[in-house]
Amino acid sequence: MTGADPGERAAIDQLLQQCARSDQSAAAQSAFAELYRRTSPRLFALCLRMLHERSAAEDLLQDTFVTVWRRAASFDAARGSAITWLITLTRNKAIDRLRAQRETAVDPLAALDYASAAADASESGGRLSPAAAVEDLQEYRRLQRCLEQLDPQPQNFIREAFFSGGTYQELAERSQVPLGTMKSWIRRGLLQLRKCLER
């Protein structure tokens, strides 16, 4: 499908309008199948270009077409072509997914749990693929660099709580401080760690 072909653009506009029928008739379903056939290669290429991973791109494409089926009635041909609407929808979904991944990646609790699970797998003889091993090593080094920037006390408490399995109660008793104080210290340390990981 070429973007410059007005006949193809008009056909896609018509197919999307047919999908908007609220009765979900056989004609609407047939129009949806044809819309998918004509537009999915281009939309999949966009997904792949933005997410860089085939399985993630396939998931995003499926999510996009589920949304198309549900929201086809919101398409307004007076405001633009159907292909532009589809590309914008796909692009926005990809951006949302990338933002969610970025937010998840800098969560210090998730990073600590991930590093701890990787260490457990390593100790129990679990094998990682070379790519996963390199990624684990890079994430681990990044986490270690950020931990080393913390003051010694919160650094030690976080290491003991997340790598050695010490409970807040045990750490509070060992340090002879109230439980609430220990939780506050660890929370402040985690907030500092989050700032470092977000850089």
Protein backbone atom coordinates (compact mmCIF):
# COMPACT_ATOMS: atom_id res chain seq x y z
CA MET A 1 0.00 0.00 0.00
CA THR A 2 1.47 3.33 -0.99
CA GLY A 3 0.61 6.42 0.99
CA ALA A 4 0.11 8.41 -2.23
CA ASP A 5 -2.59 6.17 -3.74
CA PRO A 6 -5.87 8.10 -3.30
CA GLY A 7 -7.98 5.12 -4.38
CA GLU A 8 -6.45 2.93 -1.67
CA ARG A 9 -6.88 5.68 0.91
CA ALA A 10 -10.56 6.03 0.00
CA ALA A 11 -11.05 2.25 0.21
CA ILE A 12 -9.48 2.17 3.68
CA ASP A 13 -11.65 5.10 4.79
CA GLN A 14 -14.72 3.19 3.65
CA LEU A 15 -13.63 -0.04 5.35
CA LEU A 16 -13.08 1.73 8.67
CA GLN A 17 -16.50 3.38 8.41
CA GLN A 18 -18.08 -0.03 7.74
CA CYS A 19 -16.32 -1.41 10.86
CA ALA A 20 -18.09 1.25 12.92
CA ARG A 21 -21.49 -0.38 12.46
CA SER A 22 -22.82 -0.98 15.93
CA ASP A 23 -24.61 -4.20 14.97
CA GLN A 24 -21.28 -6.04 14.47
CA SER A 25 -22.85 -7.67 11.43
CA ALA A 26 -21.10 -10.05 9.06
CA ALA A 27 -20.49 -7.07 6.76
CA ALA A 28 -18.74 -5.15 9.57
CA GLN A 29 -16.63 -8.20 10.42
CA SER A 30 -15.73 -8.70 6.78
CA ALA A 31 -14.76 -5.03 6.48
CA PHE A 32 -12.59 -5.37 9.59
CA ALA A 33 -10.80 -8.43 8.16
CA GLU A 34 -10.13 -6.57 4.92
CA LEU A 35 -8.96 -3.48 6.80
CA TYR A 36 -6.52 -5.67 8.73
CA ARG A 37 -5.26 -7.32 5.54
CA ARG A 38 -4.59 -3.99 3.86
CA THR A 39 -3.12 -2.03 6.76
CA SER A 40 -1.46 -4.48 9.15
CA PRO A 41 1.87 -4.76 7.25
CA ARG A 42 2.40 -1.00 7.41
CA LEU A 43 1.26 -0.73 11.04
CA PHE A 44 3.39 -3.72 12.05
CA ALA A 45 6.44 -2.07 10.47
CA LEU A 46 5.72 1.02 12.59
CA CYS A 47 5.36 -1.09 15.76
CA LEU A 48 8.63 -2.89 15.04
CA ARG A 49 10.46 0.35 14.27
CA MET A 50 9.34 1.87 17.56
CA LEU A 51 9.64 -1.15 19.89
CA HIS A 52 12.60 -2.97 18.26
CA GLU A 53 11.31 -6.38 19.29
CA ARG A 54 9.13 -8.66 17.19
CA SER A 55 6.99 -10.16 19.98
CA ALA A 56 6.36 -6.71 21.52
CA ALA A 57 5.45 -5.36 18.07
CA GLU A 58 3.02 -8.25 17.49
CA ASP A 59 1.36 -7.62 20.87
CA LEU A 60 1.06 -3.92 20.11
CA LEU A 61 -0.43 -4.57 16.68
CA GLN A 62 -3.06 -6.88 18.22
CA ASP A 63 -3.84 -4.29 20.91
CA THR A 64 -4.16 -1.62 18.22
CA PHE A 65 -6.66 -3.61 16.18
CA VAL A 66 -8.73 -4.47 19.27
CA THR A 67 -8.96 -0.72 19.88
CA VAL A 68 -9.81 -0.12 16.21
CA TRP A 69 -12.72 -2.58 16.48
CA ARG A 70 -14.01 -0.90 19.63
CA ARG A 71 -13.43 2.72 18.59
CA ALA A 72 -14.02 2.67 14.83
CA ALA A 73 -17.08 4.90 15.33
CA SER A 74 -14.81 7.70 16.61
CA PHE A 75 -13.12 7.98 13.20
CA ASP A 76 -14.12 11.21 11.46
CA ALA A 77 -13.22 11.30 7.74
CA ALA A 78 -13.62 15.09 7.74
CA ARG A 79 -10.60 15.38 10.08
CA GLY A 80 -8.24 13.12 8.14
CA SER A 81 -7.82 9.80 6.38
CA ALA A 82 -8.33 6.43 8.01
CA ILE A 83 -4.69 5.45 7.48
CA THR A 84 -3.58 8.61 9.31
CA TRP A 85 -5.99 7.75 12.14
CA LEU A 86 -4.64 4.19 12.31
CA ILE A 87 -1.00 5.33 12.28
CA THR A 88 -1.67 7.92 14.99
CA LEU A 89 -3.45 5.34 17.15
CA THR A 90 -0.59 2.85 16.73
CA ARG A 91 2.07 5.46 17.40
CA ASN A 92 0.33 6.69 20.57
CA LYS A 93 0.00 3.14 21.89
CA ALA A 94 3.71 2.50 21.19
CA ILE A 95 4.69 5.69 23.02
CA ASP A 96 2.53 4.71 26.01
CA ARG A 97 4.19 1.29 26.10
CA LEU A 98 7.69 2.76 25.87
CA ARG A 99 6.93 5.18 28.71
CA ALA A 100 5.60 2.36 30.87
CA GLN A 101 8.74 0.29 30.22
CA ARG A 102 10.98 3.24 31.10
CA GLU A 103 9.12 3.85 34.38
CA THR A 104 9.33 0.18 35.28
CA ALA A 105 13.03 0.00 34.45
CA VAL A 106 13.98 2.68 36.98
CA ASP A 107 11.99 1.30 39.91
CA PRO A 108 14.65 0.50 42.53
CA LEU A 109 12.51 -2.13 44.26
CA ALA A 110 12.01 -3.96 40.96
CA ALA A 111 15.70 -3.63 40.14
CA LEU A 112 16.67 -5.03 43.56
CA ASP A 113 14.22 -7.92 43.25
CA TYR A 114 15.45 -8.61 39.72
CA ALA A 115 19.11 -8.62 40.78
CA SER A 116 18.30 -10.85 43.75
CA ALA A 117 16.38 -13.33 41.54
CA ALA A 118 19.25 -13.38 39.04
CA ALA A 119 21.69 -14.13 41.86
CA ASP A 120 19.42 -16.95 43.11
CA ALA A 121 19.22 -18.43 39.59
CA SER A 122 23.00 -18.24 39.28
CA GLU A 123 23.55 -19.97 42.64
CA SER A 124 21.09 -22.74 41.82
CA GLY A 125 22.81 -23.50 38.51
CA GLY A 126 20.25 -21.67 36.33
CA ARG A 127 21.61 -20.71 32.92
CA LEU A 128 20.94 -17.39 31.20
CA SER A 129 21.29 -16.73 27.50
CA PRO A 130 24.40 -14.67 26.60
CA ALA A 131 22.25 -11.61 25.85
CA ALA A 132 20.34 -11.95 29.13
CA ALA A 133 23.59 -12.45 31.03
CA VAL A 134 25.07 -9.23 29.57
CA GLU A 135 21.86 -7.33 30.32
CA ASP A 136 21.83 -8.71 33.87
CA LEU A 137 25.47 -7.71 34.33
CA GLN A 138 24.83 -4.17 33.03
CA GLU A 139 21.76 -3.70 35.24
CA TYR A 140 23.62 -5.13 38.22
CA ARG A 141 26.61 -2.80 37.70
CA ARG A 142 24.31 0.19 37.32
CA LEU A 143 22.48 -0.74 40.51
CA GLN A 144 25.79 -1.25 42.37
CA ARG A 145 27.08 2.17 41.23
CA CYS A 146 23.92 3.83 42.53
CA LEU A 147 24.02 1.90 45.81
CA GLU A 148 27.63 2.98 46.36
CA GLN A 149 26.57 6.63 46.09
CA LEU A 150 24.31 6.26 49.14
CA ASP A 151 25.55 7.00 52.65
CA PRO A 152 27.00 3.85 54.27
CA GLN A 153 24.13 3.30 56.71
CA PRO A 154 21.18 3.24 54.25
CA GLN A 155 23.36 1.40 51.74
CA ASN A 156 24.00 -1.40 54.25
CA PHE A 157 20.35 -1.58 55.31
CA ILE A 158 19.13 -1.82 51.70
CA ARG A 159 21.71 -4.50 50.88
CA GLU A 160 20.70 -6.53 53.94
CA ALA A 161 16.96 -6.12 53.33
CA PHE A 162 17.01 -6.98 49.62
CA PHE A 163 20.06 -9.19 49.09
CA SER A 164 20.47 -10.96 52.42
CA GLY A 165 16.76 -11.29 53.18
CA GLY A 166 16.84 -9.40 56.48
CA THR A 167 13.45 -8.15 57.67
CA TYR A 168 12.84 -4.59 58.77
CA GLN A 169 12.21 -5.92 62.29
CA GLU A 170 15.55 -7.77 62.39
CA LEU A 171 17.43 -4.74 61.10
CA ALA A 172 15.70 -2.46 63.64
CA GLU A 173 16.55 -4.80 66.53
CA ARG A 174 20.16 -5.16 65.41
CA SER A 175 20.53 -1.37 65.14
CA GLN A 176 18.55 -0.78 68.36
CA VAL A 177 16.10 1.66 66.73
CA PRO A 178 12.29 1.63 66.49
CA LEU A 179 10.80 -0.28 63.54
CA GLY A 180 9.29 2.94 62.09
CA THR A 181 12.71 4.59 62.10
CA MET A 182 14.26 1.68 60.21
CA LYS A 183 11.46 1.79 57.62
CA SER A 184 12.00 5.55 57.19
CA TRP A 185 15.75 5.11 56.71
CA ILE A 186 15.25 2.42 54.08
CA ARG A 187 12.53 4.41 52.33
CA ARG A 188 14.77 7.50 52.14
CA GLY A 189 17.59 5.34 50.79
CA LEU A 190 15.28 3.87 48.13
CA LEU A 191 14.16 7.36 47.07
CA GLN A 192 17.81 8.39 46.64
CA LEU A 193 18.43 5.18 44.72
CA ARG A 194 15.47 5.90 42.45
CA LYS A 195 16.85 9.39 41.63
CA CYS A 196 20.21 7.89 40.72
CA LEU A 197 18.64 5.18 38.51
CA GLU A 198 16.52 7.79 36.70
CA ARG A 199 19.61 9.71 35.55
